[in-house]
C-alpha atoms as a PDB file:
ATOM      1  CA  MET A   1       6.987   7.769  10.256  1.00  0.00           C
ATOM      2  CA  ALA A   2       9.370   7.637  -0.098  1.00  0.00           C
ATOM      3  CA  GLU A   3      12.340   6.983   2.516  1.00  0.00           C
ATOM      4  CA  MET A   4      13.516   9.551   5.005  1.00  0.00           C
ATOM      5  CA  ARG A   5      16.949  10.446   6.244  1.00  0.00           C
ATOM      6  CA  GLY A   6      18.399  12.998   8.598  1.00  0.00           C
ATOM      7  CA  ALA A   7      15.714  15.232  10.002  1.00  0.00           C
ATOM      8  CA  GLU A   8      12.707  13.814   8.305  1.00  0.00           C
ATOM      9  CA  LEU A   9      11.122  11.722  11.062  1.00  0.00           C
ATOM     10  CA  ASP A  10      11.549  12.943  14.605  1.00  0.00           C
ATOM     11  CA  ALA A  11      12.546  16.362  15.945  1.00  0.00           C
ATOM     12  CA  SER A  12      16.273  15.553  15.528  1.00  0.00           C
ATOM     13  CA  ARG A  13      17.604  13.332  18.250  1.00  0.00           C
ATOM     14  CA  SER A  14      20.107  15.852  19.577  1.00  0.00           C
ATOM     15  CA  SER A  15      17.813  18.919  19.613  1.00  0.00           C
ATOM     16  CA  ASN A  16      14.840  16.793  20.738  1.00  0.00           C
ATOM     17  CA  TRP A  17      16.737  15.381  23.692  1.00  0.00           C
ATOM     18  CA  GLU A  18      18.339  18.715  24.513  1.00  0.00           C
ATOM     19  CA  LYS A  19      14.896  20.307  24.693  1.00  0.00           C
ATOM     20  CA  PHE A  20      13.816  17.922  27.464  1.00  0.00           C
ATOM     21  CA  GLN A  21      17.063  18.453  29.362  1.00  0.00           C
ATOM     22  CA  THR A  22      16.792  22.258  29.448  1.00  0.00           C
ATOM     23  CA  ARG A  23      17.209  24.160  32.683  1.00  0.00           C
ATOM     24  CA  ASN A  24      15.316  27.135  31.418  1.00  0.00           C
ATOM     25  CA  PRO A  25      12.409  27.441  33.774  1.00  0.00           C
ATOM     26  CA  VAL A  26      10.103  29.026  31.176  1.00  0.00           C
ATOM     27  CA  VAL A  27      10.809  26.307  28.589  1.00  0.00           C
ATOM     28  CA  ARG A  28      10.300  23.545  31.277  1.00  0.00           C
ATOM     29  CA  ARG A  29       7.023  25.121  32.223  1.00  0.00           C
ATOM     30  CA  LEU A  30       5.905  25.164  28.551  1.00  0.00           C
ATOM     31  CA  ILE A  31       6.900  21.562  28.123  1.00  0.00           C
ATOM     32  CA  ASP A  32       5.147  20.464  31.335  1.00  0.00           C
ATOM     33  CA  ARG A  33       1.998  22.333  30.235  1.00  0.00           C
ATOM     34  CA  PHE A  34       2.167  20.617  26.812  1.00  0.00           C
ATOM     35  CA  PHE A  35       2.313  17.210  28.323  1.00  0.00           C
ATOM     36  CA  GLY A  36      -0.437  18.089  30.726  1.00  0.00           C
ATOM     37  CA  ARG A  37      -2.741  19.097  27.842  1.00  0.00           C
ATOM     38  CA  LEU A  38      -1.637  16.019  25.868  1.00  0.00           C
ATOM     39  CA  GLU A  39      -2.578  13.778  28.753  1.00  0.00           C
ATOM     40  CA  ALA A  40      -5.943  15.473  29.189  1.00  0.00           C
ATOM     41  CA  MET A  41      -6.658  14.839  25.500  1.00  0.00           C
ATOM     42  CA  ALA A  42      -5.463  11.240  25.423  1.00  0.00           C
ATOM     43  CA  ALA A  43      -6.733   9.935  28.788  1.00  0.00           C
ATOM     44  CA  PRO A  44     -10.474   9.747  27.865  1.00  0.00           C
ATOM     45  CA  LEU A  45      -9.696   7.719  24.788  1.00  0.00           C
ATOM     46  CA  ALA A  46      -8.530   4.771  26.915  1.00  0.00           C
ATOM     47  CA  PRO A  47      -7.085   2.826  23.978  1.00  0.00           C
ATOM     48  CA  GLY A  48      -6.417  -0.899  23.961  1.00  0.00           C
ATOM     49  CA  SER A  49      -3.446  -0.320  21.700  1.00  0.00           C
ATOM     50  CA  LEU A  50      -1.256   2.610  20.878  1.00  0.00           C
ATOM     51  CA  LEU A  51       1.501   3.510  18.410  1.00  0.00           C
ATOM     52  CA  ASP A  52       4.040   6.324  19.016  1.00  0.00           C
ATOM     53  CA  ALA A  53       5.216   7.264  15.514  1.00  0.00           C
ATOM     54  CA  GLY A  54       8.368   9.246  15.801  1.00  0.00           C
ATOM     55  CA  CYS A  55       9.041   8.346  19.391  1.00  0.00           C
ATOM     56  CA  GLY A  56      12.461   9.954  19.738  1.00  0.00           C
ATOM     57  CA  GLU A  57      14.068   8.859  22.993  1.00  0.00           C
ATOM     58  CA  GLY A  58      10.763   7.795  24.552  1.00  0.00           C
ATOM     59  CA  GLU A  59       9.914  10.962  26.464  1.00  0.00           C
ATOM     60  CA  THR A  60       6.241  10.911  25.553  1.00  0.00           C
ATOM     61  CA  LEU A  61       5.951   7.279  26.566  1.00  0.00           C
ATOM     62  CA  ALA A  62       7.610   8.084  29.876  1.00  0.00           C
ATOM     63  CA  ARG A  63       5.280  11.044  30.581  1.00  0.00           C
ATOM     64  CA  LEU A  64       2.197   9.042  29.697  1.00  0.00           C
ATOM     65  CA  SER A  65       3.324   5.760  31.184  1.00  0.00           C
ATOM     66  CA  HIS A  66       0.413   5.653  33.615  1.00  0.00           C
ATOM     67  CA  LEU A  67      -2.006   5.793  30.646  1.00  0.00           C
ATOM     68  CA  LEU A  68      -0.432   3.297  28.345  1.00  0.00           C
ATOM     69  CA  PRO A  69      -2.350   0.075  27.404  1.00  0.00           C
ATOM     70  CA  ASP A  70      -0.823  -3.396  27.395  1.00  0.00           C
ATOM     71  CA  ARG A  71      -0.064  -3.118  23.667  1.00  0.00           C
ATOM     72  CA  VAL A  72       2.272  -0.289  22.735  1.00  0.00           C
ATOM     73  CA  SER A  73       4.532   0.015  19.723  1.00  0.00           C
ATOM     74  CA  ALA A  74       6.932   2.785  18.797  1.00  0.00           C
ATOM     75  CA  VAL A  75       8.827   3.712  15.649  1.00  0.00           C
ATOM     76  CA  ASP A  76      11.642   6.142  14.935  1.00  0.00           C
ATOM     77  CA  ILE A  77      14.119   6.594  12.053  1.00  0.00           C
ATOM     78  CA  ASP A  78      17.058   7.237  14.406  1.00  0.00           C
ATOM     79  CA  PRO A  79      18.670   3.991  15.602  1.00  0.00           C
ATOM     80  CA  ASP A  80      20.166   5.750  18.632  1.00  0.00           C
ATOM     81  CA  ALA A  81      16.676   7.020  19.576  1.00  0.00           C
ATOM     82  CA  VAL A  82      15.287   3.545  19.154  1.00  0.00           C
ATOM     83  CA  ALA A  83      18.012   2.172  21.430  1.00  0.00           C
ATOM     84  CA  ALA A  84      17.288   4.833  24.056  1.00  0.00           C
ATOM     85  CA  THR A  85      13.512   4.140  23.946  1.00  0.00           C
ATOM     86  CA  HIS A  86      14.130   0.405  24.249  1.00  0.00           C
ATOM     87  CA  ALA A  87      16.366   0.989  27.281  1.00  0.00           C
ATOM     88  CA  ARG A  88      13.823   3.262  28.977  1.00  0.00           C
ATOM     89  CA  HIS A  89      10.847   1.039  28.028  1.00  0.00           C
ATOM     90  CA  PRO A  90      12.021  -2.526  27.702  1.00  0.00           C
ATOM     91  CA  GLY A  91       8.434  -3.896  27.550  1.00  0.00           C
ATOM     92  CA  ILE A  92       7.540  -1.805  24.460  1.00  0.00           C
ATOM     93  CA  ASP A  93       7.788  -3.006  20.906  1.00  0.00           C
ATOM     94  CA  VAL A  94      10.150  -0.337  19.397  1.00  0.00           C
ATOM     95  CA  ALA A  95      11.778  -0.521  16.010  1.00  0.00           C
ATOM     96  CA  GLU A  96      13.488   1.623  13.441  1.00  0.00           C
ATOM     97  CA  GLY A  97      11.250   2.782  10.588  1.00  0.00           C
ATOM     98  CA  THR A  98       9.671   5.724   8.836  1.00  0.00           C
ATOM     99  CA  VAL A  99       6.265   7.281   9.007  1.00  0.00           C
ATOM    100  CA  TYR A 100       5.941   7.008   5.249  1.00  0.00           C
ATOM    101  CA  ASP A 101       5.994   3.169   5.427  1.00  0.00           C
ATOM    102  CA  LEU A 102       4.830   1.985   8.844  1.00  0.00           C
ATOM    103  CA  ARG A 103       5.285  -1.756   9.411  1.00  0.00           C
ATOM    104  CA  PHE A 104       1.729  -2.459  10.446  1.00  0.00           C
ATOM    105  CA  ARG A 105      -1.523  -3.584   8.910  1.00  0.00           C
ATOM    106  CA  ASP A 106      -4.401  -1.255   8.333  1.00  0.00           C
ATOM    107  CA  ALA A 107      -6.318  -0.217  11.517  1.00  0.00           C
ATOM    108  CA  SER A 108      -3.712  -1.799  13.818  1.00  0.00           C
ATOM    109  CA  PHE A 109      -3.988   0.656  16.668  1.00  0.00           C
ATOM    110  CA  ASP A 110      -6.820   2.238  18.597  1.00  0.00           C
ATOM    111  CA  THR A 111      -4.732   5.460  18.971  1.00  0.00           C
ATOM    112  CA  VAL A 112      -1.794   6.743  17.019  1.00  0.00           C
ATOM    113  CA  LEU A 113       0.412   9.562  18.398  1.00  0.00           C
ATOM    114  CA  CYS A 114       2.701  11.568  16.144  1.00  0.00           C
ATOM    115  CA  LEU A 115       4.259  14.452  18.033  1.00  0.00           C
ATOM    116  CA  GLU A 116       6.684  16.975  16.563  1.00  0.00           C
ATOM    117  CA  VAL A 117       7.142  14.997  13.332  1.00  0.00           C
ATOM    118  CA  LEU A 118       4.965  16.453  10.523  1.00  0.00           C
ATOM    119  CA  GLU A 119       6.881  19.760  10.343  1.00  0.00           C
ATOM    120  CA  HIS A 120       9.981  17.791   9.376  1.00  0.00           C
ATOM    121  CA  LEU A 121       8.526  15.803   6.468  1.00  0.00           C
ATOM    122  CA  ARG A 122       9.125  16.634   2.813  1.00  0.00           C
ATOM    123  CA  ASP A 123       5.768  15.022   1.999  1.00  0.00           C
ATOM    124  CA  PRO A 124       3.599  15.565   5.129  1.00  0.00           C
ATOM    125  CA  GLU A 125       0.406  14.446   3.384  1.00  0.00           C
ATOM    126  CA  ALA A 126       2.023  11.023   2.622  1.00  0.00           C
ATOM    127  CA  GLY A 127       2.980  10.757   6.310  1.00  0.00           C
ATOM    128  CA  LEU A 128      -0.531  11.733   7.397  1.00  0.00           C
ATOM    129  CA  ALA A 129      -2.043   9.088   5.092  1.00  0.00           C
ATOM    130  CA  GLU A 130       0.116   6.421   6.829  1.00  0.00           C
ATOM    131  CA  LEU A 131      -0.966   7.602  10.266  1.00  0.00           C
ATOM    132  CA  ALA A 132      -4.630   7.416   9.217  1.00  0.00           C
ATOM    133  CA  ARG A 133      -4.098   3.974   7.659  1.00  0.00           C
ATOM    134  CA  VAL A 134      -2.741   2.293  10.784  1.00  0.00           C
ATOM    135  CA  SER A 135      -5.203   3.952  13.124  1.00  0.00           C
ATOM    136  CA  ARG A 136      -8.454   2.173  14.052  1.00  0.00           C
ATOM    137  CA  GLU A 137     -10.054   5.243  15.608  1.00  0.00           C
ATOM    138  CA  HIS A 138      -7.895   8.086  17.011  1.00  0.00           C
ATOM    139  CA  VAL A 139      -4.895  10.117  15.768  1.00  0.00           C
ATOM    140  CA  ILE A 140      -3.221  12.743  17.957  1.00  0.00           C
ATOM    141  CA  VAL A 141      -0.621  14.988  16.366  1.00  0.00           C
ATOM    142  CA  SER A 142       1.329  18.045  17.503  1.00  0.00           C
ATOM    143  CA  VAL A 143       3.216  20.613  15.521  1.00  0.00           C
ATOM    144  CA  PRO A 144       4.849  24.051  16.258  1.00  0.00           C
ATOM    145  CA  HIS A 145       2.280  26.811  16.420  1.00  0.00           C
ATOM    146  CA  GLU A 146       3.462  29.443  14.010  1.00  0.00           C
ATOM    147  CA  PRO A 147       4.445  32.213  14.015  1.00  0.00           C
ATOM    148  CA  TRP A 148       4.686  31.863  17.818  1.00  0.00           C
ATOM    149  CA  PHE A 149       7.220  29.076  17.722  1.00  0.00           C
ATOM    150  CA  ARG A 150       9.626  31.000  15.569  1.00  0.00           C
ATOM    151  CA  LEU A 151       9.055  34.176  17.613  1.00  0.00           C
ATOM    152  CA  GLY A 152       9.888  32.322  20.773  1.00  0.00           C
ATOM    153  CA  SER A 153      13.091  30.931  19.258  1.00  0.00           C
ATOM    154  CA  ALA A 154      14.120  34.365  18.027  1.00  0.00           C
ATOM    155  CA  MET A 155      13.486  35.897  21.488  1.00  0.00           C
ATOM    156  CA  ARG A 156      15.826  33.305  22.961  1.00  0.00           C
ATOM    157  CA  GLY A 157      18.501  34.211  20.313  1.00  0.00           C
ATOM    158  CA  LYS A 158      18.132  30.974  18.378  1.00  0.00           C
ATOM    159  CA  TYR A 159      18.103  30.594  14.593  1.00  0.00           C
ATOM    160  CA  LEU A 160      18.278  34.341  14.036  1.00  0.00           C
ATOM    161  CA  ARG A 161      19.583  33.926  10.434  1.00  0.00           C
ATOM    162  CA  THR A 162      16.259  32.198   9.544  1.00  0.00           C
ATOM    163  CA  LEU A 163      14.193  34.569  11.665  1.00  0.00           C
ATOM    164  CA  GLY A 164      13.618  31.976  14.395  1.00  0.00           C
ATOM    165  CA  ASN A 165      12.837  29.072  12.110  1.00  0.00           C
ATOM    166  CA  HIS A 166      14.389  25.762  13.126  1.00  0.00           C
ATOM    167  CA  PRO A 167      16.547  24.630  10.133  1.00  0.00           C
ATOM    168  CA  GLU A 168      14.846  21.255  10.090  1.00  0.00           C
ATOM    169  CA  HIS A 169      11.274  22.633   9.930  1.00  0.00           C
ATOM    170  CA  LEU A 170      10.045  22.261   6.392  1.00  0.00           C
ATOM    171  CA  ASN A 171       6.336  22.896   7.132  1.00  0.00           C
ATOM    172  CA  HIS A 172       4.567  25.544   9.140  1.00  0.00           C
ATOM    173  CA  TRP A 173       1.020  25.687  10.448  1.00  0.00           C
ATOM    174  CA  ASN A 174      -1.261  27.848  12.483  1.00  0.00           C
ATOM    175  CA  GLN A 175      -4.551  26.642  13.950  1.00  0.00           C
ATOM    176  CA  ARG A 176      -6.569  27.244  10.742  1.00  0.00           C
ATOM    177  CA  THR A 177      -4.079  25.825   8.287  1.00  0.00           C
ATOM    178  CA  LEU A 178      -3.406  22.759  10.478  1.00  0.00           C
ATOM    179  CA  GLY A 179      -7.098  21.978  10.505  1.00  0.00           C
ATOM    180  CA  GLU A 180      -7.356  22.313   6.746  1.00  0.00           C
ATOM    181  CA  PHE A 181      -4.388  20.000   6.325  1.00  0.00           C
ATOM    182  CA  LEU A 182      -5.602  17.290   8.691  1.00  0.00           C
ATOM    183  CA  ARG A 183      -9.086  17.229   7.193  1.00  0.00           C
ATOM    184  CA  ARG A 184      -7.592  15.905   3.970  1.00  0.00           C
ATOM    185  CA  ARG A 185      -7.375  12.505   5.683  1.00  0.00           C
ATOM    186  CA  LEU A 186      -9.118  12.683   9.027  1.00  0.00           C
ATOM    187  CA  THR A 187     -12.027  14.179  10.897  1.00  0.00           C
ATOM    188  CA  VAL A 188     -10.757  16.860  13.294  1.00  0.00           C
ATOM    189  CA  VAL A 189     -12.303  16.639  16.699  1.00  0.00           C
ATOM    190  CA  ARG A 190     -10.383  19.561  18.217  1.00  0.00           C
ATOM    191  CA  ILE A 191      -7.202  21.489  17.970  1.00  0.00           C
ATOM    192  CA  GLU A 192      -5.839  22.966  21.227  1.00  0.00           C
ATOM    193  CA  PRO A 193      -3.063  25.497  21.497  1.00  0.00           C
ATOM    194  CA  SER A 194      -0.386  24.859  24.013  1.00  0.00           C
ATOM    195  CA  LEU A 195       2.055  27.601  23.117  1.00  0.00           C
ATOM    196  CA  PRO A 196       4.338  27.260  21.312  1.00  0.00           C
ATOM    197  CA  TRP A 197       2.677  24.124  19.986  1.00  0.00           C
ATOM    198  CA  LEU A 198      -0.711  22.901  18.639  1.00  0.00           C
ATOM    199  CA  ILE A 199      -2.176  19.552  19.678  1.00  0.00           C
ATOM    200  CA  ALA A 200      -4.855  18.038  17.492  1.00  0.00           C
ATOM    201  CA  HIS A 201      -7.164  15.095  18.199  1.00  0.00           C
ATOM    202  CA  CYS A 202      -8.602  13.559  15.104  1.00  0.00           C
ATOM    203  CA  ARG A 203     -10.720  10.512  14.210  1.00  0.00           C
ATOM    204  CA  ARG A 204     -10.140   8.218  11.285  1.00  0.00           C
ATOM    205  CA  ASP A 205     -12.751   8.785   8.511  1.00  0.00           C
END
């Protein structure tokens, strides 16, 4: 969740929070659909323990609150995001940290979530290795679905100088290349598009 600074853990506190506060009806519908598909993927797993690695301000935990087990932990590099998550979810163990060096023993959690994080990492494979290490069984990740994510940004007039690429996105995947990347450490169960994102359910090898 090597040390990271700046954009290297979550989807940037300011832009991440701003995304969830948008009044754009199209963007809100895409976000709601994303969380609906994430819920459909996560619900059958019924984990006894869960880690949200790169929790931001706790939006995912809020959206999935009715599915959360008794034991939930969360990690983020941004102290303000950690404080916001703690305020929203006072019963959850949330702490500052990085996905490169998670503060848990091997196989600590039945399910590990890592949403909108891997695209920010300078060494995504090292981050993936840590997610696999602390998972007992399941890992669910999401990343922008390229080139559709960039196209959507450009159509909204955002990041035009970089052809729609978010300045903090260091890695880019489509459905095929994401599968190839994840299989370096995990068994891929399925990858489901939820434009402009991809959601992948994996099992620990």
